[in-house]
């Protein structure tokens, strides 16, 4: 079971991260920043069904185009991401083949500076995420993977619902996006003598806009990268994780293509990774990241505890 953690990198591509109203992306970034840190992004595990459960806590503030914190924009979020991954044992084009599904849900509590009022915060489901195909090639110590994640517009509350209908989010933020998006994913790993050097790369492309009466908003494309450098010694794993997110095309509002008023979102952060293998297919990892560069986005600290098990 040494490769179980490597199995989940592509399955985890489809999840969410918090992006505040100052961001050029509309409220939520589909890919959860840093979620693939600690994983072998290019590998799939031995054939079987695996469960993954991420528990992601974030404490953020909005930052302007100059990288300055915006007063009154504190945001706390908890994101729970249950995932099922099937490594089929089938070969396609010489690659191992797998598939996955995720249903994130989240709780947010925002300061009044976000304009959501006061209250106890908002619980809700994020967009359902399907990963219908994962291909992973093994080339000696190198592993290369590709997949396509799809974000379905199934969230229980959205920004358009809040803006147009005034849906009550109890002092939090809407739980997801009102649009359909696709995300090509690419992973590469070098795995040797307990070392894991990996890059997990994603390009998120919104296909539809968030539409409602008098409201139409389409988010721009976004590039995300999660990077891992770890060493396993016995049952313990130690290392460093790094994440980045960059919006690479402008949003459009009510039709015309316009650059966001304060520019595209930029985010870069890093922090330690610690993991432990219990045996019987059960592994636990803890990841902490601190953002060091943030513009037109939210930033701060997040901590993710990931449980992986074989069924």
C-alpha atoms as a PDB file:
ATOM      1  CA  UNK A   1       0.000   0.000   0.000  1.00  0.00           C
ATOM      2  CA  UNK A   2       2.972   2.371  -0.309  1.00  0.00           C
ATOM      3  CA  UNK A   3       1.398   4.056  -3.342  1.00  0.00           C
ATOM      4  CA  UNK A   4      -2.065   4.715  -1.902  1.00  0.00           C
ATOM      5  CA  UNK A   5      -1.415   8.422  -1.309  1.00  0.00           C
ATOM      6  CA  UNK A   6      -0.177   8.783  -4.872  1.00  0.00           C
ATOM      7  CA  UNK A   7      -3.503   7.468  -6.069  1.00  0.00           C
ATOM      8  CA  UNK A   8      -5.540  10.449  -5.087  1.00  0.00           C
ATOM      9  CA  UNK A   9      -3.803  13.349  -6.796  1.00  0.00           C
ATOM     10  CA  UNK A  10      -5.972  13.407  -9.884  1.00  0.00           C
ATOM     11  CA  UNK A  11      -9.126  12.498  -8.008  1.00  0.00           C
ATOM     12  CA  UNK A  12      -8.473  15.461  -5.759  1.00  0.00           C
ATOM     13  CA  UNK A  13      -8.133  17.820  -8.677  1.00  0.00           C
ATOM     14  CA  UNK A  14     -11.831  18.584  -8.521  1.00  0.00           C
ATOM     15  CA  UNK A  15     -12.487  20.429  -5.333  1.00  0.00           C
ATOM     16  CA  UNK A  16     -12.844  23.968  -4.122  1.00  0.00           C
ATOM     17  CA  UNK A  17     -11.034  26.858  -2.515  1.00  0.00           C
ATOM     18  CA  UNK A  18     -12.247  30.122  -1.078  1.00  0.00           C
ATOM     19  CA  UNK A  19     -11.883  33.256  -3.196  1.00  0.00           C
ATOM     20  CA  UNK A  20     -13.346  36.487  -1.887  1.00  0.00           C
ATOM     21  CA  UNK A  21     -15.285  39.223  -3.688  1.00  0.00           C
ATOM     22  CA  UNK A  22     -12.028  41.119  -4.354  1.00  0.00           C
ATOM     23  CA  UNK A  23     -10.897  38.279  -6.580  1.00  0.00           C
ATOM     24  CA  UNK A  24     -11.315  38.417 -10.317  1.00  0.00           C
ATOM     25  CA  UNK A  25     -12.599  34.840 -10.230  1.00  0.00           C
ATOM     26  CA  UNK A  26     -16.268  34.820  -9.285  1.00  0.00           C
ATOM     27  CA  UNK A  27     -16.299  34.016  -5.554  1.00  0.00           C
ATOM     28  CA  UNK A  28     -15.007  30.405  -5.626  1.00  0.00           C
ATOM     29  CA  UNK A  29     -11.930  28.916  -7.253  1.00  0.00           C
ATOM     30  CA  UNK A  30     -12.987  25.394  -8.350  1.00  0.00           C
ATOM     31  CA  UNK A  31      -9.600  23.843  -7.525  1.00  0.00           C
ATOM     32  CA  UNK A  32      -8.848  23.794  -3.812  1.00  0.00           C
ATOM     33  CA  UNK A  33      -5.445  25.404  -3.442  1.00  0.00           C
ATOM     34  CA  UNK A  34      -2.800  23.059  -2.104  1.00  0.00           C
ATOM     35  CA  UNK A  35      -5.088  20.019  -1.967  1.00  0.00           C
ATOM     36  CA  UNK A  36      -2.683  17.825  -3.983  1.00  0.00           C
ATOM     37  CA  UNK A  37       0.342  18.619  -1.824  1.00  0.00           C
ATOM     38  CA  UNK A  38       1.841  15.474  -0.322  1.00  0.00           C
ATOM     39  CA  UNK A  39       0.571  13.215  -3.101  1.00  0.00           C
ATOM     40  CA  UNK A  40       2.369  11.473  -5.948  1.00  0.00           C
ATOM     41  CA  UNK A  41       0.586  13.365  -8.708  1.00  0.00           C
ATOM     42  CA  UNK A  42       1.560  11.017 -11.541  1.00  0.00           C
ATOM     43  CA  UNK A  43       0.675   7.659  -9.967  1.00  0.00           C
ATOM     44  CA  UNK A  44      -2.344   5.408  -9.470  1.00  0.00           C
ATOM     45  CA  UNK A  45      -2.458   2.720  -6.746  1.00  0.00           C
ATOM     46  CA  UNK A  46      -2.888  -1.029  -7.234  1.00  0.00           C
ATOM     47  CA  UNK A  47      -6.355  -2.029  -8.511  1.00  0.00           C
ATOM     48  CA  UNK A  48      -9.120  -1.454  -5.982  1.00  0.00           C
ATOM     49  CA  UNK A  49     -11.483   1.120  -4.489  1.00  0.00           C
ATOM     50  CA  UNK A  50     -10.097   3.818  -2.200  1.00  0.00           C
ATOM     51  CA  UNK A  51     -11.637   6.440   0.025  1.00  0.00           C
ATOM     52  CA  UNK A  52     -10.176   9.876   0.713  1.00  0.00           C
ATOM     53  CA  UNK A  53     -11.418  12.434   3.226  1.00  0.00           C
ATOM     54  CA  UNK A  54      -9.911  15.928   3.331  1.00  0.00           C
ATOM     55  CA  UNK A  55     -10.615  18.203   6.300  1.00  0.00           C
ATOM     56  CA  UNK A  56      -9.544  21.682   5.267  1.00  0.00           C
ATOM     57  CA  UNK A  57      -9.551  24.712   7.593  1.00  0.00           C
ATOM     58  CA  UNK A  58      -8.771  28.207   6.268  1.00  0.00           C
ATOM     59  CA  UNK A  59      -8.414  31.654   7.838  1.00  0.00           C
ATOM     60  CA  UNK A  60      -8.260  34.295   5.117  1.00  0.00           C
ATOM     61  CA  UNK A  61      -8.489  38.015   4.389  1.00  0.00           C
ATOM     62  CA  UNK A  62      -8.991  39.744   1.062  1.00  0.00           C
ATOM     63  CA  UNK A  63      -5.953  41.414  -0.533  1.00  0.00           C
ATOM     64  CA  UNK A  64      -5.973  44.221  -3.110  1.00  0.00           C
ATOM     65  CA  UNK A  65      -3.962  44.646  -6.322  1.00  0.00           C
ATOM     66  CA  UNK A  66      -0.981  45.928  -4.316  1.00  0.00           C
ATOM     67  CA  UNK A  67      -0.949  42.879  -2.044  1.00  0.00           C
ATOM     68  CA  UNK A  68      -2.360  44.829   0.894  1.00  0.00           C
ATOM     69  CA  UNK A  69      -4.861  43.304   3.299  1.00  0.00           C
ATOM     70  CA  UNK A  70      -8.375  44.796   2.998  1.00  0.00           C
ATOM     71  CA  UNK A  71      -9.776  45.696   6.464  1.00  0.00           C
ATOM     72  CA  UNK A  72     -13.034  44.043   7.529  1.00  0.00           C
ATOM     73  CA  UNK A  73     -12.745  41.091   5.145  1.00  0.00           C
ATOM     74  CA  UNK A  74     -11.933  38.231   7.525  1.00  0.00           C
ATOM     75  CA  UNK A  75     -13.165  34.840   6.364  1.00  0.00           C
ATOM     76  CA  UNK A  76     -13.065  31.471   8.117  1.00  0.00           C
ATOM     77  CA  UNK A  77     -13.927  28.325   6.209  1.00  0.00           C
ATOM     78  CA  UNK A  78     -14.120  24.581   6.763  1.00  0.00           C
ATOM     79  CA  UNK A  79     -14.203  22.387   3.659  1.00  0.00           C
ATOM     80  CA  UNK A  80     -14.895  18.660   3.901  1.00  0.00           C
ATOM     81  CA  UNK A  81     -14.146  16.651   0.765  1.00  0.00           C
ATOM     82  CA  UNK A  82     -15.158  12.962   0.657  1.00  0.00           C
ATOM     83  CA  UNK A  83     -13.819  11.219  -2.456  1.00  0.00           C
ATOM     84  CA  UNK A  84     -14.178   7.743  -3.925  1.00  0.00           C
ATOM     85  CA  UNK A  85     -11.456   6.535  -6.321  1.00  0.00           C
ATOM     86  CA  UNK A  86     -11.549   3.364  -8.403  1.00  0.00           C
ATOM     87  CA  UNK A  87      -8.276   2.095  -9.809  1.00  0.00           C
ATOM     88  CA  UNK A  88      -9.728  -0.344 -12.326  1.00  0.00           C
ATOM     89  CA  UNK A  89      -6.728  -2.518 -13.217  1.00  0.00           C
ATOM     90  CA  UNK A  90      -7.546  -1.859 -16.894  1.00  0.00           C
ATOM     91  CA  UNK A  91      -4.828  -0.695 -19.302  1.00  0.00           C
ATOM     92  CA  UNK A  92      -5.643   2.076 -21.806  1.00  0.00           C
ATOM     93  CA  UNK A  93      -2.956   3.173 -24.262  1.00  0.00           C
ATOM     94  CA  UNK A  94      -0.422   1.472 -22.002  1.00  0.00           C
ATOM     95  CA  UNK A  95      -1.584   3.455 -18.943  1.00  0.00           C
ATOM     96  CA  UNK A  96      -3.331   2.393 -15.750  1.00  0.00           C
ATOM     97  CA  UNK A  97      -6.955   3.601 -15.838  1.00  0.00           C
ATOM     98  CA  UNK A  98      -9.009   5.005 -12.948  1.00  0.00           C
ATOM     99  CA  UNK A  99     -11.982   7.231 -12.194  1.00  0.00           C
ATOM    100  CA  UNK A 100     -13.278   9.236  -9.235  1.00  0.00           C
ATOM    101  CA  UNK A 101     -16.143  11.285  -7.804  1.00  0.00           C
ATOM    102  CA  UNK A 102     -16.114  13.951  -5.075  1.00  0.00           C
ATOM    103  CA  UNK A 103     -18.863  15.851  -3.252  1.00  0.00           C
ATOM    104  CA  UNK A 104     -17.339  18.712  -1.240  1.00  0.00           C
ATOM    105  CA  UNK A 105     -19.362  20.609   1.351  1.00  0.00           C
ATOM    106  CA  UNK A 106     -18.345  23.668   3.298  1.00  0.00           C
ATOM    107  CA  UNK A 107     -19.009  26.085   6.132  1.00  0.00           C
ATOM    108  CA  UNK A 108     -18.082  29.769   5.844  1.00  0.00           C
ATOM    109  CA  UNK A 109     -18.219  32.639   8.294  1.00  0.00           C
ATOM    110  CA  UNK A 110     -17.434  36.115   6.950  1.00  0.00           C
ATOM    111  CA  UNK A 111     -16.989  39.549   8.496  1.00  0.00           C
ATOM    112  CA  UNK A 112     -19.558  42.209   7.506  1.00  0.00           C
ATOM    113  CA  UNK A 113     -16.995  43.697   5.083  1.00  0.00           C
ATOM    114  CA  UNK A 114     -18.073  41.017   2.629  1.00  0.00           C
ATOM    115  CA  UNK A 115     -21.617  42.385   2.627  1.00  0.00           C
ATOM    116  CA  UNK A 116     -23.272  39.135   3.730  1.00  0.00           C
ATOM    117  CA  UNK A 117     -24.711  40.454   6.985  1.00  0.00           C
ATOM    118  CA  UNK A 118     -24.220  38.876  10.380  1.00  0.00           C
ATOM    119  CA  UNK A 119     -25.141  35.471  11.714  1.00  0.00           C
ATOM    120  CA  UNK A 120     -23.755  32.055  12.483  1.00  0.00           C
ATOM    121  CA  UNK A 121     -22.364  31.262   9.030  1.00  0.00           C
ATOM    122  CA  UNK A 122     -23.458  29.154   6.067  1.00  0.00           C
ATOM    123  CA  UNK A 123     -23.378  25.383   5.474  1.00  0.00           C
ATOM    124  CA  UNK A 124     -23.885  23.963   1.990  1.00  0.00           C
ATOM    125  CA  UNK A 125     -22.820  21.632  -0.806  1.00  0.00           C
ATOM    126  CA  UNK A 126     -20.279  22.676  -3.401  1.00  0.00           C
ATOM    127  CA  UNK A 127     -20.470  21.580  -7.046  1.00  0.00           C
ATOM    128  CA  UNK A 128     -20.331  17.807  -7.539  1.00  0.00           C
ATOM    129  CA  UNK A 129     -17.030  16.820  -9.164  1.00  0.00           C
ATOM    130  CA  UNK A 130     -16.674  13.963 -11.651  1.00  0.00           C
ATOM    131  CA  UNK A 131     -13.349  12.600 -12.895  1.00  0.00           C
ATOM    132  CA  UNK A 132     -14.495  10.029 -15.488  1.00  0.00           C
ATOM    133  CA  UNK A 133     -11.020   9.040 -16.628  1.00  0.00           C
ATOM    134  CA  UNK A 134      -7.502   9.037 -15.138  1.00  0.00           C
ATOM    135  CA  UNK A 135      -4.555   7.695 -17.154  1.00  0.00           C
ATOM    136  CA  UNK A 136      -1.237   7.001 -15.420  1.00  0.00           C
ATOM    137  CA  UNK A 137       1.921   5.833 -17.198  1.00  0.00           C
ATOM    138  CA  UNK A 138       4.901   4.331 -15.333  1.00  0.00           C
ATOM    139  CA  UNK A 139       8.354   4.988 -16.804  1.00  0.00           C
ATOM    140  CA  UNK A 140      10.813   3.540 -14.302  1.00  0.00           C
ATOM    141  CA  UNK A 141      10.886   5.909 -11.312  1.00  0.00           C
ATOM    142  CA  UNK A 142       8.829   8.466 -13.240  1.00  0.00           C
ATOM    143  CA  UNK A 143       5.030   8.480 -13.294  1.00  0.00           C
ATOM    144  CA  UNK A 144       2.969  10.710 -15.606  1.00  0.00           C
ATOM    145  CA  UNK A 145      -0.810  11.143 -15.464  1.00  0.00           C
ATOM    146  CA  UNK A 146      -3.576  13.055 -17.146  1.00  0.00           C
ATOM    147  CA  UNK A 147      -7.310  13.385 -16.524  1.00  0.00           C
ATOM    148  CA  UNK A 148     -10.321  15.638 -17.020  1.00  0.00           C
ATOM    149  CA  UNK A 149     -12.326  16.905 -14.029  1.00  0.00           C
ATOM    150  CA  UNK A 150     -15.876  18.195 -14.476  1.00  0.00           C
ATOM    151  CA  UNK A 151     -17.621  20.544 -12.009  1.00  0.00           C
ATOM    152  CA  UNK A 152     -21.401  20.184 -12.141  1.00  0.00           C
ATOM    153  CA  UNK A 153     -23.599  23.210 -11.222  1.00  0.00           C
ATOM    154  CA  UNK A 154     -25.194  21.436  -8.239  1.00  0.00           C
ATOM    155  CA  UNK A 155     -24.222  23.774  -5.361  1.00  0.00           C
ATOM    156  CA  UNK A 156     -26.949  24.477  -2.818  1.00  0.00           C
ATOM    157  CA  UNK A 157     -26.273  28.252  -2.838  1.00  0.00           C
ATOM    158  CA  UNK A 158     -24.514  30.526  -5.347  1.00  0.00           C
ATOM    159  CA  UNK A 159     -23.409  34.129  -5.773  1.00  0.00           C
ATOM    160  CA  UNK A 160     -26.144  34.892  -8.310  1.00  0.00           C
ATOM    161  CA  UNK A 161     -28.748  33.636  -5.837  1.00  0.00           C
ATOM    162  CA  UNK A 162     -27.370  35.959  -3.187  1.00  0.00           C
ATOM    163  CA  UNK A 163     -27.129  38.995  -5.492  1.00  0.00           C
ATOM    164  CA  UNK A 164     -30.435  38.619  -7.321  1.00  0.00           C
ATOM    165  CA  UNK A 165     -32.683  36.941  -4.760  1.00  0.00           C
ATOM    166  CA  UNK A 166     -31.012  37.928  -1.502  1.00  0.00           C
ATOM    167  CA  UNK A 167     -30.715  34.329  -0.335  1.00  0.00           C
ATOM    168  CA  UNK A 168     -29.821  34.236   3.338  1.00  0.00           C
ATOM    169  CA  UNK A 169     -26.333  32.873   3.970  1.00  0.00           C
ATOM    170  CA  UNK A 170     -26.359  33.721   7.706  1.00  0.00           C
ATOM    171  CA  UNK A 171     -23.181  35.783   7.762  1.00  0.00           C
ATOM    172  CA  UNK A 172     -21.254  33.370   5.544  1.00  0.00           C
ATOM    173  CA  UNK A 173     -20.755  33.060   1.788  1.00  0.00           C
ATOM    174  CA  UNK A 174     -22.622  30.955  -0.800  1.00  0.00           C
ATOM    175  CA  UNK A 175     -21.427  27.348  -0.847  1.00  0.00           C
ATOM    176  CA  UNK A 176     -20.527  26.993  -4.528  1.00  0.00           C
ATOM    177  CA  UNK A 177     -20.694  28.150  -8.124  1.00  0.00           C
ATOM    178  CA  UNK A 178     -23.646  28.408 -10.475  1.00  0.00           C
ATOM    179  CA  UNK A 179     -21.720  27.288 -13.554  1.00  0.00           C
ATOM    180  CA  UNK A 180     -20.341  24.178 -15.248  1.00  0.00           C
ATOM    181  CA  UNK A 181     -16.542  23.974 -15.651  1.00  0.00           C
ATOM    182  CA  UNK A 182     -14.018  21.516 -17.049  1.00  0.00           C
ATOM    183  CA  UNK A 183     -10.442  21.085 -15.859  1.00  0.00           C
ATOM    184  CA  UNK A 184      -7.656  19.287 -17.739  1.00  0.00           C
ATOM    185  CA  UNK A 185      -5.202  17.870 -15.188  1.00  0.00           C
ATOM    186  CA  UNK A 186      -1.574  16.801 -15.565  1.00  0.00           C
ATOM    187  CA  UNK A 187       0.644  15.153 -12.968  1.00  0.00           C
ATOM    188  CA  UNK A 188       4.277  14.073 -12.913  1.00  0.00           C
ATOM    189  CA  UNK A 189       6.177  12.300 -10.096  1.00  0.00           C
ATOM    190  CA  UNK A 190       9.643  10.990  -9.415  1.00  0.00           C
ATOM    191  CA  UNK A 191       9.400   8.240  -6.779  1.00  0.00           C
ATOM    192  CA  UNK A 192      12.657   6.679  -5.574  1.00  0.00           C
ATOM    193  CA  UNK A 193      13.949   5.333  -2.247  1.00  0.00           C
ATOM    194  CA  UNK A 194      11.177   7.050  -0.244  1.00  0.00           C
ATOM    195  CA  UNK A 195      11.453  10.337  -2.154  1.00  0.00           C
ATOM    196  CA  UNK A 196       8.397  11.930  -3.761  1.00  0.00           C
ATOM    197  CA  UNK A 197       9.003  14.907  -6.054  1.00  0.00           C
ATOM    198  CA  UNK A 198       5.712  15.799  -7.727  1.00  0.00           C
ATOM    199  CA  UNK A 199       3.894  18.527  -9.641  1.00  0.00           C
ATOM    200  CA  UNK A 200       0.095  18.518  -9.973  1.00  0.00           C
ATOM    201  CA  UNK A 201      -1.084  21.018 -12.620  1.00  0.00           C
ATOM    202  CA  UNK A 202      -4.602  22.127 -13.553  1.00  0.00           C
ATOM    203  CA  UNK A 203      -6.253  24.521 -16.017  1.00  0.00           C
ATOM    204  CA  UNK A 204      -9.827  25.338 -14.966  1.00  0.00           C
ATOM    205  CA  UNK A 205     -12.102  26.498 -17.819  1.00  0.00           C
ATOM    206  CA  UNK A 206     -15.650  27.690 -16.976  1.00  0.00           C
ATOM    207  CA  UNK A 207     -17.949  26.548 -19.802  1.00  0.00           C
ATOM    208  CA  UNK A 208     -21.163  28.271 -18.793  1.00  0.00           C
ATOM    209  CA  UNK A 209     -21.912  31.518 -16.967  1.00  0.00           C
ATOM    210  CA  UNK A 210     -23.782  32.062 -13.708  1.00  0.00           C
ATOM    211  CA  UNK A 211     -27.118  33.307 -15.016  1.00  0.00           C
ATOM    212  CA  UNK A 212     -30.147  34.726 -13.259  1.00  0.00           C
ATOM    213  CA  UNK A 213     -32.682  37.486 -13.871  1.00  0.00           C
ATOM    214  CA  UNK A 214     -30.638  40.532 -14.878  1.00  0.00           C
ATOM    215  CA  UNK A 215     -27.414  38.755 -13.928  1.00  0.00           C
ATOM    216  CA  UNK A 216     -24.827  36.982 -16.082  1.00  0.00           C
ATOM    217  CA  UNK A 217     -21.233  36.496 -14.970  1.00  0.00           C
ATOM    218  CA  UNK A 218     -18.598  34.192 -16.452  1.00  0.00           C
ATOM    219  CA  UNK A 219     -15.336  33.604 -14.606  1.00  0.00           C
ATOM    220  CA  UNK A 220     -11.975  33.597 -16.346  1.00  0.00           C
ATOM    221  CA  UNK A 221      -9.708  30.603 -16.799  1.00  0.00           C
ATOM    222  CA  UNK A 222      -7.352  29.743 -13.964  1.00  0.00           C
ATOM    223  CA  UNK A 223      -4.059  27.843 -13.707  1.00  0.00           C
ATOM    224  CA  UNK A 224      -3.284  25.982 -10.459  1.00  0.00           C
ATOM    225  CA  UNK A 225      -0.175  24.095  -9.400  1.00  0.00           C
ATOM    226  CA  UNK A 226       0.470  22.021  -6.265  1.00  0.00           C
ATOM    227  CA  UNK A 227       4.050  20.858  -5.671  1.00  0.00           C
ATOM    228  CA  UNK A 228       5.510  18.238  -3.314  1.00  0.00           C
ATOM    229  CA  UNK A 229       8.974  17.326  -2.029  1.00  0.00           C
ATOM    230  CA  UNK A 230       8.833  14.635   0.687  1.00  0.00           C
ATOM    231  CA  UNK A 231      10.920  11.791   2.115  1.00  0.00           C
ATOM    232  CA  UNK A 232       9.438   8.694   3.786  1.00  0.00           C
ATOM    233  CA  UNK A 233      11.397   7.116   6.659  1.00  0.00           C
ATOM    234  CA  UNK A 234       9.707   4.002   7.969  1.00  0.00           C
ATOM    235  CA  UNK A 235       6.103   4.896   8.737  1.00  0.00           C
ATOM    236  CA  UNK A 236       6.762   8.665   8.782  1.00  0.00           C
ATOM    237  CA  UNK A 237       6.820  11.147   5.907  1.00  0.00           C
ATOM    238  CA  UNK A 238       8.235  14.678   6.080  1.00  0.00           C
ATOM    239  CA  UNK A 239       8.574  17.416   3.498  1.00  0.00           C
ATOM    240  CA  UNK A 240       7.493  20.675   1.907  1.00  0.00           C
ATOM    241  CA  UNK A 241       4.401  21.625  -0.070  1.00  0.00           C
ATOM    242  CA  UNK A 242       3.948  24.629  -2.365  1.00  0.00           C
ATOM    243  CA  UNK A 243       0.870  25.947  -4.155  1.00  0.00           C
ATOM    244  CA  UNK A 244       0.170  28.616  -6.746  1.00  0.00           C
ATOM    245  CA  UNK A 245      -2.945  29.955  -8.476  1.00  0.00           C
ATOM    246  CA  UNK A 246      -3.046  32.440 -11.334  1.00  0.00           C
ATOM    247  CA  UNK A 247      -6.035  33.701 -13.283  1.00  0.00           C
ATOM    248  CA  UNK A 248      -4.986  33.658 -16.953  1.00  0.00           C
ATOM    249  CA  UNK A 249      -7.990  35.242 -18.694  1.00  0.00           C
ATOM    250  CA  UNK A 250     -10.451  37.988 -17.706  1.00  0.00           C
ATOM    251  CA  UNK A 251     -13.980  37.549 -16.440  1.00  0.00           C
ATOM    252  CA  UNK A 252     -16.968  38.666 -18.505  1.00  0.00           C
ATOM    253  CA  UNK A 253     -20.056  40.312 -17.056  1.00  0.00           C
ATOM    254  CA  UNK A 254     -23.409  40.499 -18.859  1.00  0.00           C
ATOM    255  CA  UNK A 255     -21.735  39.652 -22.158  1.00  0.00           C
ATOM    256  CA  UNK A 256     -18.803  41.984 -22.895  1.00  0.00           C
ATOM    257  CA  UNK A 257     -15.306  40.747 -22.130  1.00  0.00           C
ATOM    258  CA  UNK A 258     -13.853  42.995 -19.439  1.00  0.00           C
ATOM    259  CA  UNK A 259     -10.772  42.868 -17.246  1.00  0.00           C
ATOM    260  CA  UNK A 260     -11.638  42.661 -13.569  1.00  0.00           C
ATOM    261  CA  UNK A 261     -11.518  46.149 -12.011  1.00  0.00           C
ATOM    262  CA  UNK A 262      -8.481  45.371  -9.849  1.00  0.00           C
ATOM    263  CA  UNK A 263      -6.676  42.862 -12.076  1.00  0.00           C
ATOM    264  CA  UNK A 264      -6.382  39.082 -12.145  1.00  0.00           C
ATOM    265  CA  UNK A 265      -5.961  36.990  -9.010  1.00  0.00           C
ATOM    266  CA  UNK A 266      -2.512  35.739  -7.935  1.00  0.00           C
ATOM    267  CA  UNK A 267      -1.761  33.442  -4.985  1.00  0.00           C
ATOM    268  CA  UNK A 268       1.429  31.670  -3.849  1.00  0.00           C
ATOM    269  CA  UNK A 269       2.091  29.869  -0.567  1.00  0.00           C
ATOM    270  CA  UNK A 270       4.063  27.059   1.048  1.00  0.00           C
ATOM    271  CA  UNK A 271       4.495  25.047   4.236  1.00  0.00           C
ATOM    272  CA  UNK A 272       5.382  21.704   5.867  1.00  0.00           C
ATOM    273  CA  UNK A 273       3.931  18.228   5.292  1.00  0.00           C
ATOM    274  CA  UNK A 274       3.874  15.413   7.871  1.00  0.00           C
ATOM    275  CA  UNK A 275       2.423  11.962   7.248  1.00  0.00           C
ATOM    276  CA  UNK A 276       2.058   8.612   9.029  1.00  0.00           C
ATOM    277  CA  UNK A 277       1.168   5.137   7.708  1.00  0.00           C
ATOM    278  CA  UNK A 278      -0.886   2.997  10.106  1.00  0.00           C
ATOM    279  CA  UNK A 279      -0.929  -0.108   7.938  1.00  0.00           C
ATOM    280  CA  UNK A 280      -3.931  -1.975   6.507  1.00  0.00           C
ATOM    281  CA  UNK A 281      -4.199   0.657   3.782  1.00  0.00           C
ATOM    282  CA  UNK A 282      -4.738   3.596   6.185  1.00  0.00           C
ATOM    283  CA  UNK A 283      -2.608   6.721   5.861  1.00  0.00           C
ATOM    284  CA  UNK A 284      -2.856  10.190   7.440  1.00  0.00           C
ATOM    285  CA  UNK A 285      -1.258  13.454   6.323  1.00  0.00           C
ATOM    286  CA  UNK A 286      -1.243  16.970   7.729  1.00  0.00           C
ATOM    287  CA  UNK A 287      -0.394  19.990   5.534  1.00  0.00           C
ATOM    288  CA  UNK A 288      -0.054  23.621   6.616  1.00  0.00           C
ATOM    289  CA  UNK A 289       0.480  26.483   4.141  1.00  0.00           C
ATOM    290  CA  UNK A 290       0.997  30.204   4.614  1.00  0.00           C
ATOM    291  CA  UNK A 291       0.408  32.534   1.658  1.00  0.00           C
ATOM    292  CA  UNK A 292       3.382  34.779   0.913  1.00  0.00           C
ATOM    293  CA  UNK A 293       2.110  36.472  -2.288  1.00  0.00           C
ATOM    294  CA  UNK A 294      -1.563  37.421  -2.675  1.00  0.00           C
ATOM    295  CA  UNK A 295      -3.130  39.932  -5.077  1.00  0.00           C
ATOM    296  CA  UNK A 296      -6.839  40.397  -5.811  1.00  0.00           C
ATOM    297  CA  UNK A 297      -7.632  37.232  -3.901  1.00  0.00           C
ATOM    298  CA  UNK A 298      -8.026  35.979  -0.381  1.00  0.00           C
ATOM    299  CA  UNK A 299      -4.994  34.689   1.496  1.00  0.00           C
ATOM    300  CA  UNK A 300      -3.725  33.679   4.893  1.00  0.00           C
ATOM    301  CA  UNK A 301      -3.304  30.174   6.279  1.00  0.00           C
ATOM    302  CA  UNK A 302      -4.862  26.800   5.627  1.00  0.00           C
ATOM    303  CA  UNK A 303      -4.425  23.433   7.336  1.00  0.00           C
ATOM    304  CA  UNK A 304      -5.523  20.186   5.714  1.00  0.00           C
ATOM    305  CA  UNK A 305      -5.797  16.771   7.401  1.00  0.00           C
ATOM    306  CA  UNK A 306      -6.155  13.987   4.826  1.00  0.00           C
ATOM    307  CA  UNK A 307      -7.208  10.407   5.550  1.00  0.00           C
ATOM    308  CA  UNK A 308      -6.722   7.744   2.867  1.00  0.00           C
ATOM    309  CA  UNK A 309      -7.981   4.169   3.160  1.00  0.00           C
ATOM    310  CA  UNK A 310      -8.378   1.133   0.929  1.00  0.00           C
ATOM    311  CA  UNK A 311     -11.816  -0.535   0.979  1.00  0.00           C
END
